[in-house]
Amino acid sequence: MTALPTSQELWDALARIPDPEIPVVGVVEMGIVREVVVEGRKATIRMTPTFSGCPALHLIRAQLEATARALGFEEVVVETVLSPPWTTDWITPEAKERLRQYGIAPPGPASGVPLEAAPTPCPHCGSLNTSLKNAFGPTLCKAIYVCNACQEPFERFKAL
């Protein structure tokens, strides 16, 4: 008989799932996975999407379920929790640094400061001489900027 997986083993396994849109960060460190409940061979995973219309939502749900089943859970329930809504404050500091290294300006605190009013350091050269070019980037959670110092375009993760 095999030992029942623990909630910590499940957390550890879920932490290895990369965000489908930003593979340098994981879904746990992005704050998408909110809670794990283990009851024998049943696992309940509660998640909050970054946006309700996130195109990767179904893929994340499938990866969470597959990861739990691979640990030996016979029943896996993945629940979507919308309240309180996800905020960029839930992203770990380590994940924010990896976003920057990847070339995406990480979000600042979710303080309600308008996107164009907050200084945005260039993730390439660190200059604050940057300009918002489009509030709508390749995904709903990012905006497009350009650095006026090094001339590199970059994405910024929106603070929510």
N, C-alpha and C. Protein backbone atom coordinates (compact mmCIF):
# COMPACT_ATOMS: atom_id res chain seq x y z
N MET A 1 0.84 -1.19 0.00
CA MET A 1 0.00 0.00 0.00
C MET A 1 0.89 1.25 0.00
N THR A 2 0.58 2.18 -0.86
CA THR A 2 1.37 3.41 -0.93
C THR A 2 0.84 4.42 0.07
N ALA A 3 1.75 5.26 0.54
CA ALA A 3 1.38 6.29 1.50
C ALA A 3 0.52 7.35 0.83
N LEU A 4 -0.40 7.90 1.59
CA LEU A 4 -1.24 8.97 1.06
C LEU A 4 -0.41 10.24 0.91
N PRO A 5 -0.57 10.94 -0.19
CA PRO A 5 0.16 12.20 -0.35
C PRO A 5 -0.30 13.23 0.68
N THR A 6 0.61 14.04 1.13
CA THR A 6 0.28 15.09 2.08
C THR A 6 -0.04 16.39 1.36
N SER A 7 -0.62 17.32 2.08
CA SER A 7 -0.92 18.62 1.47
C SER A 7 0.39 19.33 1.09
N GLN A 8 1.46 19.16 1.88
CA GLN A 8 2.73 19.79 1.54
C GLN A 8 3.30 19.20 0.25
N GLU A 9 3.18 17.89 0.07
CA GLU A 9 3.65 17.27 -1.18
C GLU A 9 2.86 17.80 -2.37
N LEU A 10 1.57 18.03 -2.17
CA LEU A 10 0.75 18.58 -3.25
C LEU A 10 1.16 20.02 -3.54
N TRP A 11 1.34 20.84 -2.51
CA TRP A 11 1.81 22.22 -2.71
C TRP A 11 3.13 22.22 -3.48
N ASP A 12 4.06 21.34 -3.07
CA ASP A 12 5.37 21.28 -3.72
C ASP A 12 5.24 20.92 -5.20
N ALA A 13 4.35 19.98 -5.50
CA ALA A 13 4.15 19.57 -6.89
C ALA A 13 3.49 20.69 -7.70
N LEU A 14 2.50 21.35 -7.11
CA LEU A 14 1.83 22.44 -7.82
C LEU A 14 2.78 23.61 -8.06
N ALA A 15 3.74 23.80 -7.16
CA ALA A 15 4.71 24.89 -7.29
C ALA A 15 5.61 24.71 -8.52
N ARG A 16 5.67 23.51 -9.06
CA ARG A 16 6.49 23.25 -10.25
C ARG A 16 5.75 23.50 -11.57
N ILE A 17 4.48 23.87 -11.49
CA ILE A 17 3.69 24.13 -12.70
C ILE A 17 3.98 25.56 -13.16
N PRO A 18 4.51 25.73 -14.37
CA PRO A 18 4.77 27.09 -14.85
C PRO A 18 3.49 27.77 -15.31
N ASP A 19 3.48 29.08 -15.20
CA ASP A 19 2.37 29.85 -15.75
C ASP A 19 2.42 29.66 -17.27
N PRO A 20 1.31 29.29 -17.90
CA PRO A 20 1.34 29.02 -19.34
C PRO A 20 1.72 30.23 -20.20
N GLU A 21 1.46 31.43 -19.72
CA GLU A 21 1.76 32.62 -20.50
C GLU A 21 3.11 33.23 -20.17
N ILE A 22 3.62 32.94 -18.97
CA ILE A 22 4.91 33.49 -18.53
C ILE A 22 5.67 32.33 -17.87
N PRO A 23 6.34 31.50 -18.64
CA PRO A 23 6.90 30.25 -18.12
C PRO A 23 8.03 30.39 -17.10
N VAL A 24 8.53 31.60 -16.86
CA VAL A 24 9.61 31.76 -15.87
C VAL A 24 9.06 31.86 -14.45
N VAL A 25 7.75 31.91 -14.31
CA VAL A 25 7.12 31.94 -12.98
C VAL A 25 6.09 30.82 -12.90
N GLY A 26 5.83 30.37 -11.68
CA GLY A 26 4.88 29.29 -11.47
C GLY A 26 3.52 29.80 -11.01
N VAL A 27 2.51 28.94 -11.14
CA VAL A 27 1.16 29.34 -10.77
C VAL A 27 1.01 29.56 -9.27
N VAL A 28 1.81 28.86 -8.46
CA VAL A 28 1.74 29.07 -7.01
C VAL A 28 2.35 30.41 -6.64
N GLU A 29 3.54 30.71 -7.16
CA GLU A 29 4.19 31.97 -6.80
C GLU A 29 3.51 33.18 -7.44
N MET A 30 2.66 32.95 -8.44
CA MET A 30 1.85 34.03 -9.00
C MET A 30 0.64 34.32 -8.12
N GLY A 31 0.39 33.45 -7.14
CA GLY A 31 -0.74 33.64 -6.24
C GLY A 31 -2.05 33.12 -6.80
N ILE A 32 -1.98 32.34 -7.87
CA ILE A 32 -3.18 31.80 -8.49
C ILE A 32 -3.76 30.66 -7.65
N VAL A 33 -2.89 29.81 -7.09
CA VAL A 33 -3.34 28.72 -6.22
C VAL A 33 -3.50 29.31 -4.82
N ARG A 34 -4.70 29.24 -4.29
CA ARG A 34 -4.99 29.87 -3.00
C ARG A 34 -5.01 28.91 -1.84
N GLU A 35 -5.49 27.71 -2.11
CA GLU A 35 -5.67 26.77 -1.00
C GLU A 35 -5.64 25.34 -1.51
N VAL A 36 -5.11 24.46 -0.68
CA VAL A 36 -5.09 23.03 -0.97
C VAL A 36 -5.66 22.32 0.25
N VAL A 37 -6.64 21.45 0.01
CA VAL A 37 -7.22 20.66 1.09
C VAL A 37 -7.09 19.19 0.70
N VAL A 38 -6.46 18.41 1.57
CA VAL A 38 -6.29 16.97 1.33
C VAL A 38 -7.12 16.21 2.35
N GLU A 39 -7.98 15.32 1.82
CA GLU A 39 -8.79 14.44 2.66
C GLU A 39 -8.65 13.03 2.11
N GLY A 40 -7.70 12.28 2.68
CA GLY A 40 -7.44 10.93 2.19
C GLY A 40 -6.93 10.98 0.76
N ARG A 41 -7.66 10.35 -0.15
CA ARG A 41 -7.27 10.33 -1.57
C ARG A 41 -7.99 11.41 -2.39
N LYS A 42 -8.61 12.36 -1.69
CA LYS A 42 -9.29 13.47 -2.37
C LYS A 42 -8.49 14.75 -2.14
N ALA A 43 -8.28 15.49 -3.23
CA ALA A 43 -7.61 16.79 -3.15
C ALA A 43 -8.54 17.86 -3.70
N THR A 44 -8.68 18.93 -2.95
CA THR A 44 -9.43 20.09 -3.41
C THR A 44 -8.42 21.22 -3.55
N ILE A 45 -8.39 21.81 -4.73
CA ILE A 45 -7.47 22.91 -5.03
C ILE A 45 -8.33 24.12 -5.36
N ARG A 46 -8.09 25.20 -4.62
CA ARG A 46 -8.83 26.44 -4.89
C ARG A 46 -7.90 27.43 -5.58
N MET A 47 -8.38 27.96 -6.68
CA MET A 47 -7.56 28.88 -7.47
C MET A 47 -8.35 30.13 -7.81
N THR A 48 -7.61 31.23 -7.99
CA THR A 48 -8.20 32.48 -8.42
C THR A 48 -7.46 32.94 -9.67
N PRO A 49 -8.14 33.07 -10.78
CA PRO A 49 -7.47 33.52 -12.01
C PRO A 49 -7.06 34.98 -11.90
N THR A 50 -6.02 35.34 -12.64
CA THR A 50 -5.58 36.73 -12.65
C THR A 50 -6.65 37.62 -13.27
N PHE A 51 -7.35 37.12 -14.27
CA PHE A 51 -8.48 37.80 -14.90
C PHE A 51 -9.54 36.73 -15.13
N SER A 52 -10.81 37.10 -14.99
CA SER A 52 -11.86 36.10 -15.20
C SER A 52 -11.87 35.58 -16.63
N GLY A 53 -11.42 36.38 -17.57
CA GLY A 53 -11.37 35.95 -18.97
C GLY A 53 -10.00 35.46 -19.39
N CYS A 54 -9.16 35.07 -18.44
CA CYS A 54 -7.80 34.63 -18.75
C CYS A 54 -7.85 33.46 -19.74
N PRO A 55 -7.17 33.58 -20.90
CA PRO A 55 -7.23 32.52 -21.89
C PRO A 55 -6.53 31.23 -21.44
N ALA A 56 -5.69 31.31 -20.42
CA ALA A 56 -4.98 30.13 -19.94
C ALA A 56 -5.71 29.42 -18.80
N LEU A 57 -6.86 29.91 -18.42
CA LEU A 57 -7.59 29.38 -17.27
C LEU A 57 -7.85 27.88 -17.39
N HIS A 58 -8.31 27.43 -18.54
CA HIS A 58 -8.62 26.01 -18.71
C HIS A 58 -7.35 25.16 -18.66
N LEU A 59 -6.26 25.67 -19.22
CA LEU A 59 -5.00 24.94 -19.19
C LEU A 59 -4.47 24.85 -17.76
N ILE A 60 -4.54 25.93 -17.01
CA ILE A 60 -4.08 25.91 -15.61
C ILE A 60 -4.90 24.90 -14.82
N ARG A 61 -6.20 24.93 -14.99
CA ARG A 61 -7.09 23.99 -14.29
C ARG A 61 -6.70 22.54 -14.62
N ALA A 62 -6.46 22.26 -15.89
CA ALA A 62 -6.08 20.91 -16.31
C ALA A 62 -4.73 20.50 -15.72
N GLN A 63 -3.78 21.44 -15.68
CA GLN A 63 -2.46 21.12 -15.11
C GLN A 63 -2.55 20.86 -13.61
N LEU A 64 -3.37 21.63 -12.91
CA LEU A 64 -3.55 21.41 -11.47
C LEU A 64 -4.12 20.02 -11.22
N GLU A 65 -5.15 19.68 -11.98
CA GLU A 65 -5.79 18.37 -11.81
C GLU A 65 -4.82 17.23 -12.16
N ALA A 66 -4.13 17.35 -13.28
CA ALA A 66 -3.20 16.29 -13.70
C ALA A 66 -2.07 16.11 -12.69
N THR A 67 -1.57 17.20 -12.14
CA THR A 67 -0.49 17.12 -11.16
C THR A 67 -0.96 16.41 -9.90
N ALA A 68 -2.15 16.72 -9.44
CA ALA A 68 -2.69 16.06 -8.24
C ALA A 68 -2.93 14.57 -8.50
N ARG A 69 -3.46 14.25 -9.66
CA ARG A 69 -3.70 12.83 -9.99
C ARG A 69 -2.39 12.05 -10.09
N ALA A 70 -1.34 12.70 -10.61
CA ALA A 70 -0.04 12.04 -10.72
C ALA A 70 0.54 11.69 -9.35
N LEU A 71 0.13 12.41 -8.33
CA LEU A 71 0.58 12.10 -6.96
C LEU A 71 -0.20 10.94 -6.35
N GLY A 72 -1.29 10.54 -7.00
CA GLY A 72 -2.08 9.42 -6.51
C GLY A 72 -3.44 9.78 -5.97
N PHE A 73 -3.84 11.02 -6.10
CA PHE A 73 -5.19 11.39 -5.66
C PHE A 73 -6.20 10.82 -6.63
N GLU A 74 -7.19 10.13 -6.08
CA GLU A 74 -8.22 9.50 -6.92
C GLU A 74 -9.31 10.49 -7.30
N GLU A 75 -9.60 11.42 -6.40
CA GLU A 75 -10.60 12.44 -6.69
C GLU A 75 -9.93 13.81 -6.55
N VAL A 76 -10.08 14.62 -7.59
CA VAL A 76 -9.49 15.96 -7.59
C VAL A 76 -10.58 16.96 -7.97
N VAL A 77 -10.74 17.94 -7.12
CA VAL A 77 -11.69 19.01 -7.37
C VAL A 77 -10.90 20.31 -7.46
N VAL A 78 -11.05 21.00 -8.59
CA VAL A 78 -10.41 22.31 -8.77
C VAL A 78 -11.53 23.34 -8.78
N GLU A 79 -11.53 24.18 -7.74
CA GLU A 79 -12.57 25.20 -7.61
C GLU A 79 -12.01 26.57 -7.97
N THR A 80 -12.81 27.35 -8.66
CA THR A 80 -12.44 28.73 -8.96
C THR A 80 -13.08 29.63 -7.91
N VAL A 81 -12.25 30.41 -7.25
CA VAL A 81 -12.70 31.34 -6.21
C VAL A 81 -12.46 32.76 -6.73
N LEU A 82 -13.52 33.55 -6.80
CA LEU A 82 -13.40 34.89 -7.36
C LEU A 82 -13.39 36.01 -6.31
N SER A 83 -13.66 35.67 -5.06
CA SER A 83 -13.69 36.69 -4.02
C SER A 83 -12.86 36.24 -2.83
N PRO A 84 -11.92 37.06 -2.40
CA PRO A 84 -11.56 38.34 -2.99
C PRO A 84 -10.86 38.11 -4.33
N PRO A 85 -10.93 39.12 -5.21
CA PRO A 85 -10.29 38.97 -6.51
C PRO A 85 -8.77 38.92 -6.39
N TRP A 86 -8.15 38.26 -7.36
CA TRP A 86 -6.69 38.17 -7.41
C TRP A 86 -6.10 39.56 -7.50
N THR A 87 -4.95 39.74 -6.89
CA THR A 87 -4.23 41.00 -6.96
C THR A 87 -2.75 40.71 -7.22
N THR A 88 -2.09 41.64 -7.87
CA THR A 88 -0.66 41.47 -8.13
C THR A 88 0.15 41.48 -6.84
N ASP A 89 -0.44 41.91 -5.74
CA ASP A 89 0.25 41.84 -4.45
C ASP A 89 0.48 40.39 -4.02
N TRP A 90 -0.21 39.45 -4.62
CA TRP A 90 -0.04 38.04 -4.29
C TRP A 90 1.16 37.41 -5.00
N ILE A 91 1.75 38.11 -5.94
CA ILE A 91 2.94 37.59 -6.62
C ILE A 91 4.12 37.69 -5.66
N THR A 92 4.87 36.61 -5.53
CA THR A 92 6.01 36.62 -4.60
C THR A 92 7.11 37.55 -5.10
N PRO A 93 7.92 38.08 -4.20
CA PRO A 93 9.05 38.92 -4.62
C PRO A 93 10.00 38.19 -5.57
N GLU A 94 10.22 36.91 -5.36
CA GLU A 94 11.10 36.13 -6.24
C GLU A 94 10.53 36.07 -7.65
N ALA A 95 9.23 35.90 -7.76
CA ALA A 95 8.59 35.84 -9.08
C ALA A 95 8.67 37.21 -9.76
N LYS A 96 8.51 38.28 -9.00
CA LYS A 96 8.63 39.63 -9.58
C LYS A 96 10.03 39.85 -10.14
N GLU A 97 11.04 39.37 -9.43
CA GLU A 97 12.41 39.52 -9.92
C GLU A 97 12.63 38.69 -11.20
N ARG A 98 12.07 37.47 -11.25
CA ARG A 98 12.21 36.66 -12.47
C ARG A 98 11.47 37.29 -13.64
N LEU A 99 10.34 37.94 -13.38
CA LEU A 99 9.65 38.68 -14.44
C LEU A 99 10.58 39.75 -15.02
N ARG A 100 11.23 40.50 -14.12
CA ARG A 100 12.14 41.55 -14.56
C ARG A 100 13.29 40.98 -15.39
N GLN A 101 13.89 39.89 -14.92
CA GLN A 101 14.99 39.26 -15.64
C GLN A 101 14.54 38.73 -17.00
N TYR A 102 13.29 38.36 -17.10
CA TYR A 102 12.70 37.84 -18.35
C TYR A 102 12.40 38.97 -19.33
N GLY A 103 12.42 40.22 -18.84
CA GLY A 103 12.16 41.36 -19.71
C GLY A 103 10.78 41.96 -19.55
N ILE A 104 10.06 41.56 -18.50
CA ILE A 104 8.74 42.11 -18.20
C ILE A 104 8.86 42.94 -16.93
N ALA A 105 8.49 44.21 -17.01
CA ALA A 105 8.52 45.05 -15.81
C ALA A 105 7.48 44.53 -14.83
N PRO A 106 7.91 44.16 -13.63
CA PRO A 106 6.94 43.63 -12.65
C PRO A 106 6.02 44.73 -12.14
N PRO A 107 4.87 44.34 -11.62
CA PRO A 107 3.94 45.34 -11.11
C PRO A 107 4.43 45.92 -9.80
N GLY A 108 4.03 47.16 -9.56
CA GLY A 108 4.25 47.75 -8.25
C GLY A 108 3.09 47.33 -7.35
N PRO A 109 2.99 47.94 -6.18
CA PRO A 109 1.86 47.61 -5.29
C PRO A 109 0.53 47.97 -5.94
N ALA A 110 -0.46 47.18 -5.64
CA ALA A 110 -1.80 47.41 -6.19
C ALA A 110 -2.46 48.53 -5.38
N SER A 111 -2.01 49.76 -5.62
CA SER A 111 -2.46 50.89 -4.81
C SER A 111 -3.51 51.74 -5.50
N GLY A 112 -3.91 51.39 -6.68
CA GLY A 112 -4.88 52.18 -7.41
C GLY A 112 -4.27 53.32 -8.20
N VAL A 113 -2.92 53.39 -8.27
CA VAL A 113 -2.27 54.42 -9.07
C VAL A 113 -2.50 54.09 -10.54
N PRO A 114 -2.98 55.06 -11.33
CA PRO A 114 -3.21 54.78 -12.75
C PRO A 114 -1.93 54.29 -13.44
N LEU A 115 -2.10 53.39 -14.39
CA LEU A 115 -0.97 52.77 -15.09
C LEU A 115 0.01 53.79 -15.64
N GLU A 116 -0.49 54.82 -16.30
CA GLU A 116 0.40 55.78 -16.93
C GLU A 116 1.06 56.74 -15.92
N ALA A 117 0.55 56.83 -14.67
CA ALA A 117 1.10 57.75 -13.69
C ALA A 117 2.26 57.15 -12.90
N ALA A 118 2.34 55.85 -12.83
CA ALA A 118 3.39 55.19 -12.04
C ALA A 118 4.68 55.11 -12.84
N PRO A 119 5.82 55.50 -12.25
CA PRO A 119 7.09 55.34 -12.96
C PRO A 119 7.36 53.86 -13.22
N THR A 120 7.79 53.55 -14.42
CA THR A 120 8.03 52.16 -14.80
C THR A 120 9.48 52.00 -15.22
N PRO A 121 10.29 51.34 -14.37
CA PRO A 121 11.69 51.15 -14.75
C PRO A 121 11.82 50.12 -15.89
N CYS A 122 12.71 50.41 -16.81
CA CYS A 122 12.98 49.49 -17.91
C CYS A 122 13.62 48.22 -17.34
N PRO A 123 13.10 47.05 -17.68
CA PRO A 123 13.71 45.82 -17.17
C PRO A 123 15.06 45.50 -17.82
N HIS A 124 15.39 46.21 -18.90
CA HIS A 124 16.65 45.97 -19.59
C HIS A 124 17.78 46.83 -19.05
N CYS A 125 17.51 48.15 -18.87
CA CYS A 125 18.59 49.05 -18.44
C CYS A 125 18.32 49.76 -17.12
N GLY A 126 17.09 49.66 -16.60
CA GLY A 126 16.75 50.27 -15.32
C GLY A 126 16.32 51.72 -15.40
N SER A 127 16.35 52.33 -16.58
CA SER A 127 15.98 53.73 -16.73
C SER A 127 14.50 53.94 -16.39
N LEU A 128 14.21 55.08 -15.77
CA LEU A 128 12.82 55.47 -15.54
C LEU A 128 12.27 56.31 -16.68
N ASN A 129 13.08 56.56 -17.68
CA ASN A 129 12.67 57.33 -18.84
C ASN A 129 11.96 56.40 -19.83
N THR A 130 10.74 56.01 -19.45
CA THR A 130 9.95 55.07 -20.25
C THR A 130 8.60 55.69 -20.57
N SER A 131 7.96 55.17 -21.61
CA SER A 131 6.66 55.69 -22.05
C SER A 131 5.69 54.55 -22.29
N LEU A 132 4.48 54.74 -21.83
CA LEU A 132 3.39 53.81 -22.12
C LEU A 132 2.99 53.97 -23.58
N LYS A 133 3.01 52.88 -24.34
CA LYS A 133 2.63 52.93 -25.75
C LYS A 133 1.23 52.38 -25.97
N ASN A 134 0.86 51.37 -25.20
CA ASN A 134 -0.46 50.79 -25.33
C ASN A 134 -0.84 50.13 -24.02
N ALA A 135 -1.98 50.50 -23.46
CA ALA A 135 -2.43 49.91 -22.19
C ALA A 135 -2.86 48.46 -22.36
N PHE A 136 -2.99 48.02 -23.60
CA PHE A 136 -3.41 46.65 -23.86
C PHE A 136 -2.29 45.91 -24.57
N GLY A 137 -1.65 44.98 -23.86
CA GLY A 137 -0.56 44.22 -24.41
C GLY A 137 -1.04 42.91 -25.00
N PRO A 138 -0.14 41.95 -25.14
CA PRO A 138 -0.51 40.67 -25.74
C PRO A 138 -1.48 39.86 -24.89
N THR A 139 -1.53 40.17 -23.60
CA THR A 139 -2.53 39.55 -22.72
C THR A 139 -3.15 40.67 -21.89
N LEU A 140 -4.30 40.39 -21.29
CA LEU A 140 -5.01 41.41 -20.51
C LEU A 140 -4.21 41.94 -19.33
N CYS A 141 -3.28 41.15 -18.83
CA CYS A 141 -2.55 41.54 -17.63
C CYS A 141 -1.30 42.37 -17.91
N LYS A 142 -1.02 42.67 -19.18
CA LYS A 142 0.20 43.41 -19.50
C LYS A 142 -0.08 44.61 -20.41
N ALA A 143 0.80 45.62 -20.31
CA ALA A 143 0.76 46.81 -21.15
C ALA A 143 2.10 46.90 -21.89
N ILE A 144 2.13 47.67 -22.97
CA ILE A 144 3.34 47.83 -23.78
C ILE A 144 3.99 49.19 -23.49
N TYR A 145 5.28 49.15 -23.21
CA TYR A 145 6.08 50.34 -22.94
C TYR A 145 7.28 50.35 -23.88
N VAL A 146 7.93 51.50 -23.96
CA VAL A 146 9.22 51.60 -24.65
C VAL A 146 10.14 52.40 -23.73
N CYS A 147 11.40 52.00 -23.72
CA CYS A 147 12.41 52.73 -22.95
C CYS A 147 13.01 53.79 -23.86
N ASN A 148 12.95 55.03 -23.41
CA ASN A 148 13.50 56.13 -24.21
C ASN A 148 15.02 56.20 -24.10
N ALA A 149 15.60 55.50 -23.12
CA ALA A 149 17.06 55.50 -22.95
C ALA A 149 17.71 54.45 -23.84
N CYS A 150 17.26 53.19 -23.74
CA CYS A 150 17.90 52.12 -24.53
C CYS A 150 17.11 51.75 -25.78
N GLN A 151 15.91 52.36 -25.94
CA GLN A 151 15.06 52.17 -27.12
C GLN A 151 14.43 50.78 -27.21
N GLU A 152 14.48 50.01 -26.12
CA GLU A 152 13.89 48.67 -26.14
C GLU A 152 12.41 48.72 -25.76
N PRO A 153 11.56 48.06 -26.53
CA PRO A 153 10.17 47.91 -26.09
C PRO A 153 10.11 46.82 -25.02
N PHE A 154 9.13 46.92 -24.15
CA PHE A 154 8.95 45.88 -23.14
C PHE A 154 7.52 45.87 -22.65
N GLU A 155 7.15 44.78 -21.99
CA GLU A 155 5.83 44.65 -21.41
C GLU A 155 5.92 44.97 -19.93
N ARG A 156 4.83 45.50 -19.38
CA ARG A 156 4.75 45.71 -17.95
C ARG A 156 3.54 44.98 -17.44
N PHE A 157 3.73 44.22 -16.38
CA PHE A 157 2.62 43.54 -15.73
C PHE A 157 1.80 44.60 -15.02
N LYS A 158 0.52 44.67 -15.30
CA LYS A 158 -0.35 45.68 -14.69
C LYS A 158 -0.54 45.40 -13.21
N ALA A 159 -0.48 46.45 -12.40
CA ALA A 159 -0.77 46.32 -10.97
C ALA A 159 -2.28 46.32 -10.80
N LEU A 160 -2.78 45.28 -10.18
CA LEU A 160 -4.23 45.16 -9.93
C LEU A 160 -4.49 44.92 -8.47
